[in-house]
Structure formats: structure tokens, C-alpha cells
Amino acid sequence: MRIGEVARRTGVAPRLVRYYEQQGLLLAERAANGYRTYTEDDVERVSRVASMVRAGIPTRLIRVLLDMEEAVAQEHPACPRTVAELLASELGGIEDRIACLTRSRDTIREVLARTEHAALVSEAADGGS
């Protein structure tokens, strides 16, 4: 499939798909006409990368995490000392962001639950808008 289809299916702008490729997060094949072509696996990967970016994970770390996930999936996990140090240094920031998001979520739930809009809490939990 072409970049427009990947963008449509993932909700990621084509320029971001190209950026992910520039950052080494995605490897697109090239057709004879020079157009990028993508597979279903690429759609999944773009969605995964976009989710990590939205979660505040820097692209330099995303690349490491994707490589680690692939190694674990192939049952060959290895972690050089430099990678372990990078992961450890990022862990505190991730924990801080999770704590902040958890507090924000809890505040939003509590405020909504105490108003006439309490039903919106259960709708949001069910994936509604």
C-alpha cells in the first residue's frame, strides 16, 4: 500500500510516516517508480510508534524499545550495557509521566463523578465519546 493509505489507517500524517522512516523506526520498500510501499506489518508499526510518541517517549528511545521487543519476540533478548544504561535513565521519567497521568485521570473521574455528567465516566471507560 502507499503512504496515503498508511496515513489514513493509522491517523498519522504522511509527513510523520516519512519522519519515522528517517529516524529508522520504519523501513519502507520502494516501488520501481520510487514510491514508498508498505505492508500490514508497517501499519501496525506506525500505530505502535505513534502511540509511544503520544505517550511522550522520545524517538531515540522508541527505536531501542522496538529493537528490544523484536529480540524478545525472537527469544534472543540481549541488552548491551550502554542500552541498559539508556533504558534505566529513561525509566524514572516514564514513571513520573505515568504518575502524572494517573493523577490527572483520577481528578477528571472525580470531578465528573460529582457532577451531573457522571455518566460520561462510564461512557469514556467503554470507549465512547
C-alpha atoms as a PDB file:
ATOM      1  CA  MET A   1       0.000   0.000   0.000  1.00  0.00           C
ATOM      2  CA  ARG A   2       1.073   3.608  -0.427  1.00  0.00           C
ATOM      3  CA  ILE A   3       1.797   6.210   2.230  1.00  0.00           C
ATOM      4  CA  GLY A   4      -1.655   7.815   1.991  1.00  0.00           C
ATOM      5  CA  GLU A   5      -3.330   4.538   2.900  1.00  0.00           C
ATOM      6  CA  VAL A   6      -0.979   4.026   5.871  1.00  0.00           C
ATOM      7  CA  ALA A   7      -1.716   7.580   6.995  1.00  0.00           C
ATOM      8  CA  ARG A   8      -5.470   7.081   6.683  1.00  0.00           C
ATOM      9  CA  ARG A   9      -5.466   3.766   8.540  1.00  0.00           C
ATOM     10  CA  THR A  10      -3.234   4.950  11.381  1.00  0.00           C
ATOM     11  CA  GLY A  11      -4.356   8.561  11.723  1.00  0.00           C
ATOM     12  CA  VAL A  12      -0.726   9.631  11.298  1.00  0.00           C
ATOM     13  CA  ALA A  13       0.089  12.362   8.775  1.00  0.00           C
ATOM     14  CA  PRO A  14       2.155  11.245   5.772  1.00  0.00           C
ATOM     15  CA  ARG A  15       4.956  13.628   6.786  1.00  0.00           C
ATOM     16  CA  LEU A  16       5.184  11.835  10.149  1.00  0.00           C
ATOM     17  CA  VAL A  17       5.322   8.457   8.427  1.00  0.00           C
ATOM     18  CA  ARG A  18       8.276   9.798   6.399  1.00  0.00           C
ATOM     19  CA  TYR A  19       9.833  11.174   9.605  1.00  0.00           C
ATOM     20  CA  TYR A  20       9.531   7.760  11.279  1.00  0.00           C
ATOM     21  CA  GLU A  21      11.367   6.319   8.306  1.00  0.00           C
ATOM     22  CA  GLN A  22      14.108   8.981   8.551  1.00  0.00           C
ATOM     23  CA  GLN A  23      14.530   8.134  12.241  1.00  0.00           C
ATOM     24  CA  GLY A  24      14.999   4.438  11.456  1.00  0.00           C
ATOM     25  CA  LEU A  25      11.702   3.465  13.084  1.00  0.00           C
ATOM     26  CA  LEU A  26      10.197   2.178   9.848  1.00  0.00           C
ATOM     27  CA  LEU A  27      11.683   0.694   6.706  1.00  0.00           C
ATOM     28  CA  ALA A  28       9.622   1.241   3.565  1.00  0.00           C
ATOM     29  CA  GLU A  29      10.204  -0.632   0.359  1.00  0.00           C
ATOM     30  CA  ARG A  30      10.450   1.372  -2.838  1.00  0.00           C
ATOM     31  CA  ALA A  31       8.498   0.530  -5.975  1.00  0.00           C
ATOM     32  CA  ALA A  32      10.114   0.856  -9.407  1.00  0.00           C
ATOM     33  CA  ASN A  33       8.570   4.323  -9.709  1.00  0.00           C
ATOM     34  CA  GLY A  34      10.255   5.397  -6.448  1.00  0.00           C
ATOM     35  CA  TYR A  35       7.064   5.447  -4.371  1.00  0.00           C
ATOM     36  CA  ARG A  36       7.207   4.025  -0.887  1.00  0.00           C
ATOM     37  CA  THR A  37       5.218   0.832  -0.381  1.00  0.00           C
ATOM     38  CA  TYR A  38       4.048  -0.539   2.950  1.00  0.00           C
ATOM     39  CA  THR A  39       2.696  -3.783   4.377  1.00  0.00           C
ATOM     40  CA  GLU A  40       0.172  -4.626   7.077  1.00  0.00           C
ATOM     41  CA  ASP A  41       3.104  -5.012   9.485  1.00  0.00           C
ATOM     42  CA  ASP A  42       4.122  -1.444   8.676  1.00  0.00           C
ATOM     43  CA  VAL A  43       0.624  -0.200   9.536  1.00  0.00           C
ATOM     44  CA  GLU A  44       0.907  -1.902  12.918  1.00  0.00           C
ATOM     45  CA  ARG A  45       4.396  -0.481  13.462  1.00  0.00           C
ATOM     46  CA  VAL A  46       3.335   3.084  12.582  1.00  0.00           C
ATOM     47  CA  SER A  47       0.442   2.776  15.032  1.00  0.00           C
ATOM     48  CA  ARG A  48       2.800   1.492  17.733  1.00  0.00           C
ATOM     49  CA  VAL A  49       5.337   4.274  17.129  1.00  0.00           C
ATOM     50  CA  ALA A  50       2.610   6.933  17.128  1.00  0.00           C
ATOM     51  CA  SER A  51       1.263   5.578  20.433  1.00  0.00           C
ATOM     52  CA  MET A  52       4.708   5.748  22.004  1.00  0.00           C
ATOM     53  CA  VAL A  53       5.246   9.298  20.714  1.00  0.00           C
ATOM     54  CA  ARG A  54       1.872  10.357  22.164  1.00  0.00           C
ATOM     55  CA  ALA A  55       2.942   8.758  25.464  1.00  0.00           C
ATOM     56  CA  GLY A  56       5.951  11.079  25.499  1.00  0.00           C
ATOM     57  CA  ILE A  57       8.638   8.554  24.640  1.00  0.00           C
ATOM     58  CA  PRO A  58      11.418  10.170  22.575  1.00  0.00           C
ATOM     59  CA  THR A  59      12.111   8.657  19.154  1.00  0.00           C
ATOM     60  CA  ARG A  60      15.688   7.755  20.137  1.00  0.00           C
ATOM     61  CA  LEU A  61      14.235   5.526  22.857  1.00  0.00           C
ATOM     62  CA  ILE A  62      11.431   4.212  20.647  1.00  0.00           C
ATOM     63  CA  ARG A  63      13.995   2.739  18.282  1.00  0.00           C
ATOM     64  CA  VAL A  64      15.715   0.932  21.169  1.00  0.00           C
ATOM     65  CA  LEU A  65      12.394  -0.325  22.544  1.00  0.00           C
ATOM     66  CA  LEU A  66      11.273  -1.642  19.161  1.00  0.00           C
ATOM     67  CA  ASP A  67      14.588  -3.458  18.746  1.00  0.00           C
ATOM     68  CA  MET A  68      14.227  -4.928  22.256  1.00  0.00           C
ATOM     69  CA  GLU A  69      10.654  -6.040  21.559  1.00  0.00           C
ATOM     70  CA  GLU A  70      11.784  -7.805  18.386  1.00  0.00           C
ATOM     71  CA  ALA A  71      14.634  -9.528  20.264  1.00  0.00           C
ATOM     72  CA  VAL A  72      12.240 -10.708  22.978  1.00  0.00           C
ATOM     73  CA  ALA A  73       9.762 -11.933  20.348  1.00  0.00           C
ATOM     74  CA  GLN A  74      12.539 -13.937  18.709  1.00  0.00           C
ATOM     75  CA  GLU A  75      13.540 -15.261  22.135  1.00  0.00           C
ATOM     76  CA  HIS A  76      17.007 -13.743  21.805  1.00  0.00           C
ATOM     77  CA  PRO A  77      16.881 -10.883  24.274  1.00  0.00           C
ATOM     78  CA  ALA A  78      20.216  -9.222  24.774  1.00  0.00           C
ATOM     79  CA  CYS A  79      20.942  -5.879  26.278  1.00  0.00           C
ATOM     80  CA  PRO A  80      24.370  -4.292  25.996  1.00  0.00           C
ATOM     81  CA  ARG A  81      25.448  -2.165  28.940  1.00  0.00           C
ATOM     82  CA  THR A  82      25.002   1.102  27.013  1.00  0.00           C
ATOM     83  CA  VAL A  83      21.420   0.169  26.112  1.00  0.00           C
ATOM     84  CA  ALA A  84      20.693  -0.876  29.702  1.00  0.00           C
ATOM     85  CA  GLU A  85      22.011   2.469  30.943  1.00  0.00           C
ATOM     86  CA  LEU A  86      19.834   4.350  28.446  1.00  0.00           C
ATOM     87  CA  LEU A  87      16.767   2.354  29.462  1.00  0.00           C
ATOM     88  CA  ALA A  88      17.469   2.851  33.158  1.00  0.00           C
ATOM     89  CA  SER A  89      17.938   6.604  32.709  1.00  0.00           C
ATOM     90  CA  GLU A  90      14.591   6.865  30.886  1.00  0.00           C
ATOM     91  CA  LEU A  91      12.697   4.712  33.386  1.00  0.00           C
ATOM     92  CA  GLY A  92      12.385   7.441  36.022  1.00  0.00           C
ATOM     93  CA  GLY A  93      10.900   9.890  33.527  1.00  0.00           C
ATOM     94  CA  ILE A  94       8.421   7.309  32.314  1.00  0.00           C
ATOM     95  CA  GLU A  95       7.390   6.523  35.899  1.00  0.00           C
ATOM     96  CA  ASP A  96       6.925  10.267  36.547  1.00  0.00           C
ATOM     97  CA  ARG A  97       4.733  10.639  33.447  1.00  0.00           C
ATOM     98  CA  ILE A  98       2.647   7.611  34.445  1.00  0.00           C
ATOM     99  CA  ALA A  99       2.141   9.076  37.930  1.00  0.00           C
ATOM    100  CA  CYS A 100       1.151  12.442  36.460  1.00  0.00           C
ATOM    101  CA  LEU A 101      -1.285  10.851  34.020  1.00  0.00           C
ATOM    102  CA  THR A 102      -2.749   8.693  36.784  1.00  0.00           C
ATOM    103  CA  ARG A 103      -3.337  11.750  38.987  1.00  0.00           C
ATOM    104  CA  SER A 104      -4.890  13.629  36.080  1.00  0.00           C
ATOM    105  CA  ARG A 105      -7.144  10.687  35.209  1.00  0.00           C
ATOM    106  CA  ASP A 106      -8.251  10.340  38.828  1.00  0.00           C
ATOM    107  CA  THR A 107      -9.011  14.063  39.098  1.00  0.00           C
ATOM    108  CA  ILE A 108     -11.055  14.021  35.907  1.00  0.00           C
ATOM    109  CA  ARG A 109     -13.013  10.963  37.072  1.00  0.00           C
ATOM    110  CA  GLU A 110     -13.700  12.521  40.481  1.00  0.00           C
ATOM    111  CA  VAL A 111     -14.847  15.842  39.052  1.00  0.00           C
ATOM    112  CA  LEU A 112     -17.131  14.180  36.532  1.00  0.00           C
ATOM    113  CA  ALA A 113     -18.495  11.738  39.111  1.00  0.00           C
ATOM    114  CA  ARG A 114     -19.528  14.655  41.359  1.00  0.00           C
ATOM    115  CA  THR A 115     -21.413  16.482  38.624  1.00  0.00           C
ATOM    116  CA  GLU A 116     -24.469  15.886  36.525  1.00  0.00           C
ATOM    117  CA  HIS A 117     -22.066  14.463  33.913  1.00  0.00           C
ATOM    118  CA  ALA A 118     -21.188  11.313  35.886  1.00  0.00           C
ATOM    119  CA  ALA A 119     -22.478   9.091  33.066  1.00  0.00           C
ATOM    120  CA  LEU A 120     -19.644  10.347  30.888  1.00  0.00           C
ATOM    121  CA  VAL A 121     -17.141   8.476  33.094  1.00  0.00           C
ATOM    122  CA  SER A 122     -18.646   5.094  32.239  1.00  0.00           C
ATOM    123  CA  GLU A 123     -19.040   6.094  28.564  1.00  0.00           C
ATOM    124  CA  ALA A 124     -15.341   7.006  28.402  1.00  0.00           C
ATOM    125  CA  ALA A 125     -14.414   3.684  30.036  1.00  0.00           C
ATOM    126  CA  ASP A 126     -16.485   1.886  27.379  1.00  0.00           C
ATOM    127  CA  GLY A 127     -14.631   3.719  24.593  1.00  0.00           C
ATOM    128  CA  GLY A 128     -17.463   6.077  23.767  1.00  0.00           C
ATOM    129  CA  SER A 129     -17.176   9.790  23.262  1.00  0.00           C
END
